[in-house]
Amino acid sequence: MAKGAGLGAWVDDDFAHAHQIVYVPARGGFDALGNPFLPDSSEIEEVSEALAEFVISKFPDAEAIIAGSFNQKTREYFESHNVAVFTELSGSVLELVEKIRAGAQA
């Protein structure tokens, strides 16, 4: 989850308020989608759940997700879909993906 639509974009502080979903597949490259629930800040828990379902529907092969924070229900949703949840408060998408991949291989 990022503040912009590229590999150099910074991680967003909060999953539900992220501006972009940046997907980085193992094969390389990336895809980016805007957060379709961003304008709606009425019920943050409902927005977070809907966004989590959207992410899984668009990127069913995702193995991990990174954002500054997640609510517990959203964290559990991703984990139930075998998506590892990482909380990072700073760094670019590329830096964080490389960091997680290096840790997974260590």
PDB file of N, CA and C in Angstrom:
ATOM      1  N   MET A   1       0.854  -1.156   0.000  1.00  0.00           N
ATOM      2  CA  MET A   1       0.000   0.000   0.000  1.00  0.00           C
ATOM      3  C   MET A   1       0.904   1.224   0.000  1.00  0.00           C
ATOM      4  N   ALA A   2       0.654   2.120  -0.950  1.00  0.00           N
ATOM      5  CA  ALA A   2       1.606   3.206  -1.164  1.00  0.00           C
ATOM      6  C   ALA A   2       0.919   4.560  -1.353  1.00  0.00           C
ATOM      7  N   LYS A   3       1.737   5.596  -1.240  1.00  0.00           N
ATOM      8  CA  LYS A   3       1.265   6.963  -1.434  1.00  0.00           C
ATOM      9  C   LYS A   3       1.258   7.360  -2.900  1.00  0.00           C
ATOM     10  N   GLY A   4       1.897   6.553  -3.757  1.00  0.00           N
ATOM     11  CA  GLY A   4       1.966   6.832  -5.183  1.00  0.00           C
ATOM     12  C   GLY A   4       1.905   5.542  -5.978  1.00  0.00           C
ATOM     13  N   ALA A   5       1.961   5.658  -7.297  1.00  0.00           N
ATOM     14  CA  ALA A   5       1.750   4.502  -8.171  1.00  0.00           C
ATOM     15  C   ALA A   5       3.034   4.021  -8.832  1.00  0.00           C
ATOM     16  N   GLY A   6       4.047   3.731  -8.053  1.00  0.00           N
ATOM     17  CA  GLY A   6       5.288   3.238  -8.640  1.00  0.00           C
ATOM     18  C   GLY A   6       6.168   2.585  -7.611  1.00  0.00           C
ATOM     19  N   LEU A   7       7.259   2.003  -8.068  1.00  0.00           N
ATOM     20  CA  LEU A   7       8.173   1.306  -7.170  1.00  0.00           C
ATOM     21  C   LEU A   7       8.910   2.262  -6.239  1.00  0.00           C
ATOM     22  N   GLY A   8       9.038   3.517  -6.627  1.00  0.00           N
ATOM     23  CA  GLY A   8       9.693   4.507  -5.784  1.00  0.00           C
ATOM     24  C   GLY A   8       8.759   5.194  -4.807  1.00  0.00           C
ATOM     25  N   ALA A   9       7.482   4.886  -4.875  1.00  0.00           N
ATOM     26  CA  ALA A   9       6.498   5.503  -3.978  1.00  0.00           C
ATOM     27  C   ALA A   9       6.728   5.026  -2.545  1.00  0.00           C
ATOM     28  N   TRP A  10       6.423   5.895  -1.601  1.00  0.00           N
ATOM     29  CA  TRP A  10       6.590   5.563  -0.192  1.00  0.00           C
ATOM     30  C   TRP A  10       5.401   4.747   0.317  1.00  0.00           C
ATOM     31  N   VAL A  11       5.685   3.864   1.262  1.00  0.00           N
ATOM     32  CA  VAL A  11       4.642   3.073   1.900  1.00  0.00           C
ATOM     33  C   VAL A  11       3.656   4.033   2.573  1.00  0.00           C
ATOM     34  N   ASP A  12       2.382   3.693   2.537  1.00  0.00           N
ATOM     35  CA  ASP A  12       1.377   4.530   3.182  1.00  0.00           C
ATOM     36  C   ASP A  12       1.281   4.167   4.660  1.00  0.00           C
ATOM     37  N   ASP A  13       0.961   5.168   5.475  1.00  0.00           N
ATOM     38  CA  ASP A  13       0.899   4.987   6.928  1.00  0.00           C
ATOM     39  C   ASP A  13      -0.211   4.038   7.368  1.00  0.00           C
ATOM     40  N   ASP A  14      -1.289   3.988   6.604  1.00  0.00           N
ATOM     41  CA  ASP A  14      -2.459   3.220   7.029  1.00  0.00           C
ATOM     42  C   ASP A  14      -3.064   2.487   5.834  1.00  0.00           C
ATOM     43  N   PHE A  15      -3.326   1.216   6.005  1.00  0.00           N
ATOM     44  CA  PHE A  15      -3.868   0.385   4.935  1.00  0.00           C
ATOM     45  C   PHE A  15      -5.119   1.006   4.306  1.00  0.00           C
ATOM     46  N   ALA A  16      -6.102   1.329   5.113  1.00  0.00           N
ATOM     47  CA  ALA A  16      -7.393   1.793   4.590  1.00  0.00           C
ATOM     48  C   ALA A  16      -7.312   3.152   3.897  1.00  0.00           C
ATOM     49  N   HIS A  17      -6.337   3.972   4.267  1.00  0.00           N
ATOM     50  CA  HIS A  17      -6.216   5.306   3.685  1.00  0.00           C
ATOM     51  C   HIS A  17      -5.171   5.384   2.577  1.00  0.00           C
ATOM     52  N   ALA A  18      -4.587   4.258   2.215  1.00  0.00           N
ATOM     53  CA  ALA A  18      -3.550   4.259   1.177  1.00  0.00           C
ATOM     54  C   ALA A  18      -4.122   4.775  -0.140  1.00  0.00           C
ATOM     55  N   HIS A  19      -3.337   5.549  -0.848  1.00  0.00           N
ATOM     56  CA  HIS A  19      -3.778   6.094  -2.125  1.00  0.00           C
ATOM     57  C   HIS A  19      -3.685   5.067  -3.253  1.00  0.00           C
ATOM     58  N   GLN A  20      -2.683   4.189  -3.174  1.00  0.00           N
ATOM     59  CA  GLN A  20      -2.443   3.234  -4.258  1.00  0.00           C
ATOM     60  C   GLN A  20      -2.188   1.833  -3.724  1.00  0.00           C
ATOM     61  N   ILE A  21      -2.548   0.868  -4.527  1.00  0.00           N
ATOM     62  CA  ILE A  21      -2.194  -0.531  -4.299  1.00  0.00           C
ATOM     63  C   ILE A  21      -1.125  -0.819  -5.351  1.00  0.00           C
ATOM     64  N   VAL A  22       0.082  -1.131  -4.913  1.00  0.00           N
ATOM     65  CA  VAL A  22       1.170  -1.427  -5.844  1.00  0.00           C
ATOM     66  C   VAL A  22       1.522  -2.900  -5.666  1.00  0.00           C
ATOM     67  N   TYR A  23       1.290  -3.681  -6.717  1.00  0.00           N
ATOM     68  CA  TYR A  23       1.534  -5.122  -6.698  1.00  0.00           C
ATOM     69  C   TYR A  23       2.843  -5.402  -7.423  1.00  0.00           C
ATOM     70  N   VAL A  24       3.743  -6.107  -6.736  1.00  0.00           N
ATOM     71  CA  VAL A  24       5.050  -6.433  -7.305  1.00  0.00           C
ATOM     72  C   VAL A  24       5.165  -7.960  -7.375  1.00  0.00           C
ATOM     73  N   PRO A  25       4.886  -8.543  -8.548  1.00  0.00           N
ATOM     74  CA  PRO A  25       4.965 -10.000  -8.674  1.00  0.00           C
ATOM     75  C   PRO A  25       6.412 -10.493  -8.678  1.00  0.00           C
ATOM     76  N   ALA A  26       6.609 -11.741  -8.347  1.00  0.00           N
ATOM     77  CA  ALA A  26       7.949 -12.333  -8.294  1.00  0.00           C
ATOM     78  C   ALA A  26       8.645 -12.267  -9.648  1.00  0.00           C
ATOM     79  N   ARG A  27       7.880 -12.292 -10.733  1.00  0.00           N
ATOM     80  CA  ARG A  27       8.461 -12.283 -12.080  1.00  0.00           C
ATOM     81  C   ARG A  27       9.030 -10.924 -12.470  1.00  0.00           C
ATOM     82  N   GLY A  28       8.747  -9.897 -11.652  1.00  0.00           N
ATOM     83  CA  GLY A  28       9.243  -8.553 -11.927  1.00  0.00           C
ATOM     84  C   GLY A  28       8.148  -7.634 -12.412  1.00  0.00           C
ATOM     85  N   GLY A  29       8.499  -6.376 -12.549  1.00  0.00           N
ATOM     86  CA  GLY A  29       7.526  -5.375 -12.955  1.00  0.00           C
ATOM     87  C   GLY A  29       6.601  -5.027 -11.805  1.00  0.00           C
ATOM     88  N   PHE A  30       5.528  -4.317 -12.106  1.00  0.00           N
ATOM     89  CA  PHE A  30       4.539  -3.990 -11.083  1.00  0.00           C
ATOM     90  C   PHE A  30       3.235  -3.558 -11.740  1.00  0.00           C
ATOM     91  N   ASP A  31       2.177  -3.631 -10.974  1.00  0.00           N
ATOM     92  CA  ASP A  31       0.872  -3.111 -11.358  1.00  0.00           C
ATOM     93  C   ASP A  31       0.445  -2.154 -10.257  1.00  0.00           C
ATOM     94  N   ALA A  32      -0.282  -1.119 -10.612  1.00  0.00           N
ATOM     95  CA  ALA A  32      -0.772  -0.181  -9.610  1.00  0.00           C
ATOM     96  C   ALA A  32      -2.230   0.156  -9.878  1.00  0.00           C
ATOM     97  N   LEU A  33      -2.988   0.201  -8.809  1.00  0.00           N
ATOM     98  CA  LEU A  33      -4.401   0.570  -8.869  1.00  0.00           C
ATOM     99  C   LEU A  33      -4.672   1.598  -7.777  1.00  0.00           C
ATOM    100  N   GLY A  34      -5.531   2.538  -8.070  1.00  0.00           N
ATOM    101  CA  GLY A  34      -5.948   3.481  -7.041  1.00  0.00           C
ATOM    102  C   GLY A  34      -6.854   2.799  -6.032  1.00  0.00           C
ATOM    103  N   ASN A  35      -6.873   3.297  -4.830  1.00  0.00           N
ATOM    104  CA  ASN A  35      -7.750   2.783  -3.786  1.00  0.00           C
ATOM    105  C   ASN A  35      -9.171   3.241  -4.089  1.00  0.00           C
ATOM    106  N   PRO A  36     -10.054   2.329  -4.494  1.00  0.00           N
ATOM    107  CA  PRO A  36     -11.416   2.746  -4.874  1.00  0.00           C
ATOM    108  C   PRO A  36     -12.266   3.181  -3.691  1.00  0.00           C
ATOM    109  N   PHE A  37     -11.796   2.950  -2.474  1.00  0.00           N
ATOM    110  CA  PHE A  37     -12.567   3.303  -1.278  1.00  0.00           C
ATOM    111  C   PHE A  37     -12.023   4.543  -0.576  1.00  0.00           C
ATOM    112  N   LEU A  38     -11.005   5.170  -1.150  1.00  0.00           N
ATOM    113  CA  LEU A  38     -10.335   6.293  -0.496  1.00  0.00           C
ATOM    114  C   LEU A  38     -11.264   7.445  -0.137  1.00  0.00           C
ATOM    115  N   PRO A  39     -12.140   7.902  -1.008  1.00  0.00           N
ATOM    116  CA  PRO A  39     -12.980   9.047  -0.648  1.00  0.00           C
ATOM    117  C   PRO A  39     -13.932   8.757   0.505  1.00  0.00           C
ATOM    118  N   ASP A  40     -14.233   7.493   0.738  1.00  0.00           N
ATOM    119  CA  ASP A  40     -15.202   7.126   1.767  1.00  0.00           C
ATOM    120  C   ASP A  40     -14.480   6.870   3.084  1.00  0.00           C
ATOM    121  N   SER A  41     -14.593   7.802   3.999  1.00  0.00           N
ATOM    122  CA  SER A  41     -13.944   7.623   5.298  1.00  0.00           C
ATOM    123  C   SER A  41     -14.972   7.462   6.405  1.00  0.00           C
ATOM    124  N   SER A  42     -16.209   7.118   6.047  1.00  0.00           N
ATOM    125  CA  SER A  42     -17.293   7.035   7.028  1.00  0.00           C
ATOM    126  C   SER A  42     -17.043   5.945   8.071  1.00  0.00           C
ATOM    127  N   GLU A  43     -16.975   4.732   7.650  1.00  0.00           N
ATOM    128  CA  GLU A  43     -16.755   3.607   8.563  1.00  0.00           C
ATOM    129  C   GLU A  43     -15.443   2.953   8.204  1.00  0.00           C
ATOM    130  N   ILE A  44     -14.383   3.347   8.885  1.00  0.00           N
ATOM    131  CA  ILE A  44     -13.050   2.909   8.507  1.00  0.00           C
ATOM    132  C   ILE A  44     -12.901   1.389   8.552  1.00  0.00           C
ATOM    133  N   GLU A  45     -13.543   0.729   9.497  1.00  0.00           N
ATOM    134  CA  GLU A  45     -13.426  -0.733   9.566  1.00  0.00           C
ATOM    135  C   GLU A  45     -14.081  -1.387   8.352  1.00  0.00           C
ATOM    136  N   GLU A  46     -15.239  -0.898   7.946  1.00  0.00           N
ATOM    137  CA  GLU A  46     -15.908  -1.436   6.765  1.00  0.00           C
ATOM    138  C   GLU A  46     -15.099  -1.157   5.507  1.00  0.00           C
ATOM    139  N   VAL A  47     -14.519   0.035   5.417  1.00  0.00           N
ATOM    140  CA  VAL A  47     -13.686   0.388   4.272  1.00  0.00           C
ATOM    141  C   VAL A  47     -12.478  -0.540   4.223  1.00  0.00           C
ATOM    142  N   SER A  48     -11.870  -0.782   5.355  1.00  0.00           N
ATOM    143  CA  SER A  48     -10.695  -1.633   5.431  1.00  0.00           C
ATOM    144  C   SER A  48     -11.018  -3.055   4.971  1.00  0.00           C
ATOM    145  N   GLU A  49     -12.147  -3.574   5.418  1.00  0.00           N
ATOM    146  CA  GLU A  49     -12.551  -4.925   5.010  1.00  0.00           C
ATOM    147  C   GLU A  49     -12.833  -4.982   3.509  1.00  0.00           C
ATOM    148  N   ALA A  50     -13.546  -4.008   2.999  1.00  0.00           N
ATOM    149  CA  ALA A  50     -13.854  -3.979   1.560  1.00  0.00           C
ATOM    150  C   ALA A  50     -12.577  -3.858   0.738  1.00  0.00           C
ATOM    151  N   LEU A  51     -11.642  -3.040   1.203  1.00  0.00           N
ATOM    152  CA  LEU A  51     -10.380  -2.870   0.492  1.00  0.00           C
ATOM    153  C   LEU A  51      -9.573  -4.162   0.506  1.00  0.00           C
ATOM    154  N   ALA A  52      -9.556  -4.856   1.625  1.00  0.00           N
ATOM    155  CA  ALA A  52      -8.837  -6.132   1.710  1.00  0.00           C
ATOM    156  C   ALA A  52      -9.419  -7.136   0.714  1.00  0.00           C
ATOM    157  N   GLU A  53     -10.728  -7.218   0.628  1.00  0.00           N
ATOM    158  CA  GLU A  53     -11.376  -8.113  -0.335  1.00  0.00           C
ATOM    159  C   GLU A  53     -11.038  -7.701  -1.764  1.00  0.00           C
ATOM    160  N   PHE A  54     -11.014  -6.414  -2.024  1.00  0.00           N
ATOM    161  CA  PHE A  54     -10.667  -5.902  -3.351  1.00  0.00           C
ATOM    162  C   PHE A  54      -9.240  -6.293  -3.726  1.00  0.00           C
ATOM    163  N   VAL A  55      -8.306  -6.113  -2.805  1.00  0.00           N
ATOM    164  CA  VAL A  55      -6.903  -6.454  -3.065  1.00  0.00           C
ATOM    165  C   VAL A  55      -6.771  -7.936  -3.410  1.00  0.00           C
ATOM    166  N   ILE A  56      -7.398  -8.803  -2.639  1.00  0.00           N
ATOM    167  CA  ILE A  56      -7.328 -10.245  -2.901  1.00  0.00           C
ATOM    168  C   ILE A  56      -7.981 -10.586  -4.238  1.00  0.00           C
ATOM    169  N   SER A  57      -9.091  -9.923  -4.569  1.00  0.00           N
ATOM    170  CA  SER A  57      -9.768 -10.219  -5.841  1.00  0.00           C
ATOM    171  C   SER A  57      -8.926  -9.795  -7.048  1.00  0.00           C
ATOM    172  N   LYS A  58      -8.207  -8.691  -6.914  1.00  0.00           N
ATOM    173  CA  LYS A  58      -7.390  -8.190  -8.030  1.00  0.00           C
ATOM    174  C   LYS A  58      -6.038  -8.882  -8.128  1.00  0.00           C
ATOM    175  N   PHE A  59      -5.495  -9.299  -6.988  1.00  0.00           N
ATOM    176  CA  PHE A  59      -4.157  -9.903  -6.946  1.00  0.00           C
ATOM    177  C   PHE A  59      -4.193 -11.199  -6.136  1.00  0.00           C
ATOM    178  N   PRO A  60      -4.867 -12.234  -6.659  1.00  0.00           N
ATOM    179  CA  PRO A  60      -5.037 -13.480  -5.895  1.00  0.00           C
ATOM    180  C   PRO A  60      -3.724 -14.220  -5.626  1.00  0.00           C
ATOM    181  N   ASP A  61      -2.665 -13.898  -6.351  1.00  0.00           N
ATOM    182  CA  ASP A  61      -1.383 -14.560  -6.131  1.00  0.00           C
ATOM    183  C   ASP A  61      -0.494 -13.810  -5.139  1.00  0.00           C
ATOM    184  N   ALA A  62      -0.995 -12.750  -4.553  1.00  0.00           N
ATOM    185  CA  ALA A  62      -0.185 -11.972  -3.600  1.00  0.00           C
ATOM    186  C   ALA A  62       0.247 -12.866  -2.440  1.00  0.00           C
ATOM    187  N   GLU A  63       1.499 -12.715  -2.064  1.00  0.00           N
ATOM    188  CA  GLU A  63       2.049 -13.501  -0.956  1.00  0.00           C
ATOM    189  C   GLU A  63       2.253 -12.653   0.291  1.00  0.00           C
ATOM    190  N   ALA A  64       2.313 -11.338   0.124  1.00  0.00           N
ATOM    191  CA  ALA A  64       2.548 -10.438   1.253  1.00  0.00           C
ATOM    192  C   ALA A  64       1.917  -9.083   0.970  1.00  0.00           C
ATOM    193  N   ILE A  65       1.652  -8.359   2.054  1.00  0.00           N
ATOM    194  CA  ILE A  65       1.149  -6.990   1.934  1.00  0.00           C
ATOM    195  C   ILE A  65       1.868  -6.135   2.967  1.00  0.00           C
ATOM    196  N   ILE A  66       2.146  -4.897   2.578  1.00  0.00           N
ATOM    197  CA  ILE A  66       2.896  -3.986   3.433  1.00  0.00           C
ATOM    198  C   ILE A  66       2.127  -2.674   3.564  1.00  0.00           C
ATOM    199  N   ALA A  67       2.006  -2.189   4.784  1.00  0.00           N
ATOM    200  CA  ALA A  67       1.447  -0.859   5.055  1.00  0.00           C
ATOM    201  C   ALA A  67       1.925  -0.437   6.436  1.00  0.00           C
ATOM    202  N   GLY A  68       1.701   0.820   6.774  1.00  0.00           N
ATOM    203  CA  GLY A  68       2.111   1.319   8.082  1.00  0.00           C
ATOM    204  C   GLY A  68       1.311   0.730   9.223  1.00  0.00           C
ATOM    205  N   SER A  69       0.024   0.464   8.979  1.00  0.00           N
ATOM    206  CA  SER A  69      -0.814  -0.144  10.018  1.00  0.00           C
ATOM    207  C   SER A  69      -2.019  -0.834   9.387  1.00  0.00           C
ATOM    208  N   PHE A  70      -2.524  -1.807  10.104  1.00  0.00           N
ATOM    209  CA  PHE A  70      -3.713  -2.579   9.708  1.00  0.00           C
ATOM    210  C   PHE A  70      -4.568  -2.754  10.954  1.00  0.00           C
ATOM    211  N   ASN A  71      -5.895  -2.784  10.780  1.00  0.00           N
ATOM    212  CA  ASN A  71      -6.696  -3.171  11.940  1.00  0.00           C
ATOM    213  C   ASN A  71      -6.654  -4.695  12.059  1.00  0.00           C
ATOM    214  N   GLN A  72      -7.022  -5.203  13.203  1.00  0.00           N
ATOM    215  CA  GLN A  72      -6.887  -6.640  13.480  1.00  0.00           C
ATOM    216  C   GLN A  72      -7.715  -7.497  12.529  1.00  0.00           C
ATOM    217  N   LYS A  73      -8.916  -7.073  12.231  1.00  0.00           N
ATOM    218  CA  LYS A  73      -9.788  -7.847  11.350  1.00  0.00           C
ATOM    219  C   LYS A  73      -9.193  -7.966   9.944  1.00  0.00           C
ATOM    220  N   THR A  74      -8.624  -6.883   9.454  1.00  0.00           N
ATOM    221  CA  THR A  74      -8.001  -6.883   8.133  1.00  0.00           C
ATOM    222  C   THR A  74      -6.769  -7.785   8.129  1.00  0.00           C
ATOM    223  N   ARG A  75      -5.968  -7.683   9.170  1.00  0.00           N
ATOM    224  CA  ARG A  75      -4.788  -8.542   9.307  1.00  0.00           C
ATOM    225  C   ARG A  75      -5.205 -10.017   9.259  1.00  0.00           C
ATOM    226  N   GLU A  76      -6.230 -10.361   9.996  1.00  0.00           N
ATOM    227  CA  GLU A  76      -6.716 -11.747  10.026  1.00  0.00           C
ATOM    228  C   GLU A  76      -7.252 -12.179   8.661  1.00  0.00           C
ATOM    229  N   TYR A  77      -7.906 -11.272   7.963  1.00  0.00           N
ATOM    230  CA  TYR A  77      -8.437 -11.590   6.635  1.00  0.00           C
ATOM    231  C   TYR A  77      -7.303 -11.977   5.693  1.00  0.00           C
ATOM    232  N   PHE A  78      -6.247 -11.152   5.649  1.00  0.00           N
ATOM    233  CA  PHE A  78      -5.123 -11.462   4.778  1.00  0.00           C
ATOM    234  C   PHE A  78      -4.455 -12.775   5.182  1.00  0.00           C
ATOM    235  N   GLU A  79      -4.246 -12.958   6.456  1.00  0.00           N
ATOM    236  CA  GLU A  79      -3.600 -14.186   6.922  1.00  0.00           C
ATOM    237  C   GLU A  79      -4.438 -15.420   6.582  1.00  0.00           C
ATOM    238  N   SER A  80      -5.757 -15.290   6.607  1.00  0.00           N
ATOM    239  CA  SER A  80      -6.625 -16.424   6.257  1.00  0.00           C
ATOM    240  C   SER A  80      -6.542 -16.759   4.766  1.00  0.00           C
ATOM    241  N   HIS A  81      -6.023 -15.812   3.970  1.00  0.00           N
ATOM    242  CA  HIS A  81      -5.817 -16.018   2.533  1.00  0.00           C
ATOM    243  C   HIS A  81      -4.335 -16.259   2.218  1.00  0.00           C
ATOM    244  N   ASN A  82      -3.584 -16.654   3.252  1.00  0.00           N
ATOM    245  CA  ASN A  82      -2.160 -16.972   3.125  1.00  0.00           C
ATOM    246  C   ASN A  82      -1.331 -15.808   2.595  1.00  0.00           C
ATOM    247  N   VAL A  83      -1.689 -14.605   3.010  1.00  0.00           N
ATOM    248  CA  VAL A  83      -0.941 -13.395   2.658  1.00  0.00           C
ATOM    249  C   VAL A  83      -0.273 -12.896   3.935  1.00  0.00           C
ATOM    250  N   ALA A  84       1.057 -12.875   3.943  1.00  0.00           N
ATOM    251  CA  ALA A  84       1.800 -12.381   5.100  1.00  0.00           C
ATOM    252  C   ALA A  84       1.601 -10.874   5.221  1.00  0.00           C
ATOM    253  N   VAL A  85       1.443 -10.397   6.439  1.00  0.00           N
ATOM    254  CA  VAL A  85       1.194  -8.985   6.698  1.00  0.00           C
ATOM    255  C   VAL A  85       2.433  -8.373   7.342  1.00  0.00           C
ATOM    256  N   PHE A  86       2.955  -7.313   6.718  1.00  0.00           N
ATOM    257  CA  PHE A  86       4.133  -6.614   7.228  1.00  0.00           C
ATOM    258  C   PHE A  86       3.772  -5.169   7.531  1.00  0.00           C
ATOM    259  N   THR A  87       4.171  -4.704   8.693  1.00  0.00           N
ATOM    260  CA  THR A  87       3.951  -3.322   9.091  1.00  0.00           C
ATOM    261  C   THR A  87       5.273  -2.581   8.979  1.00  0.00           C
ATOM    262  N   GLU A  88       5.305  -1.608   8.093  1.00  0.00           N
ATOM    263  CA  GLU A  88       6.488  -0.777   7.875  1.00  0.00           C
ATOM    264  C   GLU A  88       6.027   0.673   7.809  1.00  0.00           C
ATOM    265  N   LEU A  89       6.711   1.548   8.532  1.00  0.00           N
ATOM    266  CA  LEU A  89       6.307   2.948   8.577  1.00  0.00           C
ATOM    267  C   LEU A  89       7.037   3.840   7.588  1.00  0.00           C
ATOM    268  N   SER A  90       8.126   3.346   7.018  1.00  0.00           N
ATOM    269  CA  SER A  90       8.850   4.171   6.048  1.00  0.00           C
ATOM    270  C   SER A  90       9.578   3.294   5.051  1.00  0.00           C
ATOM    271  N   GLY A  91       9.873   3.886   3.912  1.00  0.00           N
ATOM    272  CA  GLY A  91      10.574   3.183   2.852  1.00  0.00           C
ATOM    273  C   GLY A  91       9.756   3.180   1.579  1.00  0.00           C
ATOM    274  N   SER A  92      10.450   2.973   0.476  1.00  0.00           N
ATOM    275  CA  SER A  92       9.758   2.900  -0.811  1.00  0.00           C
ATOM    276  C   SER A  92       9.248   1.487  -1.034  1.00  0.00           C
ATOM    277  N   VAL A  93       8.342   1.354  -1.970  1.00  0.00           N
ATOM    278  CA  VAL A  93       7.803   0.029  -2.305  1.00  0.00           C
ATOM    279  C   VAL A  93       8.942  -0.917  -2.654  1.00  0.00           C
ATOM    280  N   LEU A  94       9.825  -0.494  -3.535  1.00  0.00           N
ATOM    281  CA  LEU A  94      10.922  -1.360  -3.961  1.00  0.00           C
ATOM    282  C   LEU A  94      11.831  -1.734  -2.794  1.00  0.00           C
ATOM    283  N   GLU A  95      12.200  -0.770  -1.965  1.00  0.00           N
ATOM    284  CA  GLU A  95      13.053  -1.060  -0.805  1.00  0.00           C
ATOM    285  C   GLU A  95      12.416  -2.094   0.115  1.00  0.00           C
ATOM    286  N   LEU A  96      11.141  -1.925   0.385  1.00  0.00           N
ATOM    287  CA  LEU A  96      10.466  -2.820   1.314  1.00  0.00           C
ATOM    288  C   LEU A  96      10.254  -4.206   0.729  1.00  0.00           C
ATOM    289  N   VAL A  97       9.930  -4.275  -0.554  1.00  0.00           N
ATOM    290  CA  VAL A  97       9.783  -5.585  -1.207  1.00  0.00           C
ATOM    291  C   VAL A  97      11.113  -6.326  -1.168  1.00  0.00           C
ATOM    292  N   GLU A  98      12.203  -5.630  -1.498  1.00  0.00           N
ATOM    293  CA  GLU A  98      13.528  -6.269  -1.470  1.00  0.00           C
ATOM    294  C   GLU A  98      13.890  -6.704  -0.047  1.00  0.00           C
ATOM    295  N   LYS A  99      13.562  -5.887   0.933  1.00  0.00           N
ATOM    296  CA  LYS A  99      13.848  -6.220   2.330  1.00  0.00           C
ATOM    297  C   LYS A  99      13.105  -7.485   2.746  1.00  0.00           C
ATOM    298  N   ILE A 100      11.845  -7.563   2.403  1.00  0.00           N
ATOM    299  CA  ILE A 100      11.034  -8.732   2.772  1.00  0.00           C
ATOM    300  C   ILE A 100      11.513  -9.970   2.020  1.00  0.00           C
ATOM    301  N   ARG A 101      11.805  -9.834   0.760  1.00  0.00           N
ATOM    302  CA  ARG A 101      12.296 -10.981  -0.018  1.00  0.00           C
ATOM    303  C   ARG A 101      13.630 -11.482   0.527  1.00  0.00           C
ATOM    304  N   ALA A 102      14.516 -10.586   0.914  1.00  0.00           N
ATOM    305  CA  ALA A 102      15.805 -10.976   1.487  1.00  0.00           C
ATOM    306  C   ALA A 102      15.615 -11.694   2.811  1.00  0.00           C
ATOM    307  N   GLY A 103      14.677 -11.207   3.623  1.00  0.00           N
ATOM    308  CA  GLY A 103      14.393 -11.849   4.900  1.00  0.00           C
ATOM    309  C   GLY A 103      13.772 -13.215   4.739  1.00  0.00           C
ATOM    310  N   ALA A 104      12.942 -13.357   3.704  1.00  0.00           N
ATOM    311  CA  ALA A 104      12.277 -14.634   3.443  1.00  0.00           C
ATOM    312  C   ALA A 104      13.262 -15.670   2.964  1.00  0.00           C
ATOM    313  N   GLN A 105      14.353 -15.215   2.322  1.00  0.00           N
ATOM    314  CA  GLN A 105      15.345 -16.148   1.793  1.00  0.00           C
ATOM    315  C   GLN A 105      16.417 -16.476   2.820  1.00  0.00           C
ATOM    316  N   ALA A 106      16.512 -15.656   3.868  1.00  0.00           N
ATOM    317  CA  ALA A 106      17.578 -15.856   4.868  1.00  0.00           C
ATOM    318  C   ALA A 106      17.307 -17.035   5.764  1.00  0.00           C
TER     319      ALA A 106
END
